[in-house]
Amino acid sequence: MIPNLKTRTNYDAHPWQLDVAEALLLRVDCLVIAGTGSGKTTPFLLPLLLLENKGKFALIVSPLLSLQAEQVRLISMISYLFNGSAGW
């Protein structure tokens, strides 16, 4: 899905994360139920890294400040690795 994901981020996405990301690209509604720290942020972040989605955005609503901080850190890191900036 994402060329050089492992090389750029040293991260191997789980198969279910790639399945959800692909479903989102196909505009299929998704519901993911998974435990804390299982990687639920990754599936909606991956499609935004594709060149054909340049200029698109996602609105992320998080109930906890600690979760918000972790998501900002993750998104900033991945955005920088792919684009050279966080884009904001």
Protein backbone atom coordinates (compact mmCIF):
# COMPACT_ATOMS: atom_id res chain seq x y z
CA MET A 1 0.00 0.00 0.00
CA ILE A 2 2.59 2.56 1.06
CA PRO A 3 5.86 2.24 -0.84
CA ASN A 4 8.84 1.89 1.49
CA LEU A 5 6.74 2.06 4.68
CA LYS A 6 9.10 -0.30 6.52
CA THR A 7 12.20 1.45 5.15
CA ARG A 8 10.99 4.96 5.98
CA THR A 9 9.43 4.30 9.38
CA ASN A 10 10.89 0.98 10.60
CA TYR A 11 7.25 -0.04 11.15
CA ASP A 12 5.56 -3.20 9.93
CA ALA A 13 1.81 -2.69 9.74
CA HIS A 14 -0.35 -5.58 10.91
CA PRO A 15 -2.48 -7.22 8.20
CA TRP A 16 -5.70 -5.97 9.84
CA GLN A 17 -4.37 -2.40 9.74
CA LEU A 18 -3.72 -2.69 6.01
CA ASP A 19 -7.17 -4.24 5.49
CA VAL A 20 -8.86 -1.33 7.28
CA ALA A 21 -6.75 1.25 5.41
CA GLU A 22 -7.67 -0.38 2.09
CA ALA A 23 -11.36 -0.41 3.04
CA LEU A 24 -11.17 3.30 3.86
CA LEU A 25 -9.58 4.00 0.47
CA LEU A 26 -12.50 2.15 -1.12
CA ARG A 27 -14.90 4.33 0.94
CA VAL A 28 -16.19 1.37 2.94
CA ASP A 29 -17.47 2.26 6.40
CA CYS A 30 -15.32 0.63 9.07
CA LEU A 31 -15.64 -0.13 12.75
CA VAL A 32 -12.47 -1.18 14.55
CA ILE A 33 -12.63 -2.56 18.06
CA ALA A 34 -9.18 -3.13 19.51
CA GLY A 35 -7.38 -2.63 22.79
CA THR A 36 -5.37 0.34 23.95
CA GLY A 37 -2.06 0.61 22.14
CA SER A 38 -3.01 -1.89 19.45
CA GLY A 39 -2.48 0.54 16.57
CA LYS A 40 -5.93 1.89 15.70
CA THR A 41 -4.46 5.22 14.54
CA THR A 42 -2.39 3.63 11.77
CA PRO A 43 -5.23 2.48 9.45
CA PHE A 44 -6.68 5.96 8.94
CA LEU A 45 -3.26 7.55 8.75
CA LEU A 46 -1.88 5.31 5.98
CA PRO A 47 -4.29 6.45 3.22
CA LEU A 48 -3.35 10.08 3.88
CA LEU A 49 0.27 9.27 2.97
CA LEU A 50 -0.59 8.28 -0.59
CA LEU A 51 0.28 10.86 -3.24
CA GLU A 52 -3.21 10.76 -4.76
CA ASN A 53 -4.56 11.92 -1.39
CA LYS A 54 -2.25 14.94 -1.18
CA GLY A 55 -4.19 17.89 0.19
CA LYS A 56 -6.81 15.74 1.90
CA PHE A 57 -7.12 15.66 5.66
CA ALA A 58 -8.61 13.71 8.52
CA LEU A 59 -10.39 15.10 11.56
CA ILE A 60 -9.35 13.12 14.62
CA VAL A 61 -11.40 13.37 17.80
CA SER A 62 -9.73 11.92 20.90
CA PRO A 63 -11.25 11.82 24.38
CA LEU A 64 -7.96 11.92 26.31
CA LEU A 65 -5.20 14.53 26.27
CA SER A 66 -2.55 11.82 26.57
CA LEU A 67 -3.97 10.04 23.52
CA GLN A 68 -4.10 13.33 21.61
CA ALA A 69 -0.44 13.99 22.42
CA GLU A 70 0.58 10.49 21.26
CA GLN A 71 -1.39 10.85 18.02
CA VAL A 72 0.17 14.25 17.29
CA ARG A 73 3.62 12.77 17.92
CA LEU A 74 2.95 9.79 15.64
CA ILE A 75 1.37 11.83 12.86
CA SER A 76 4.12 14.46 13.00
CA MET A 77 6.84 11.81 12.83
CA ILE A 78 5.29 9.92 9.93
CA SER A 79 4.44 13.13 8.05
CA TYR A 80 8.01 14.31 8.42
CA LEU A 81 9.42 10.97 7.22
CA PHE A 82 7.23 11.06 4.10
CA ASN A 83 6.93 14.77 3.35
CA GLY A 84 9.74 16.54 5.18
CA SER A 85 7.22 18.43 7.34
CA ALA A 86 4.15 17.85 9.46
CA GLY A 87 2.05 19.98 7.13
CA TRP A 88 0.74 22.43 9.72
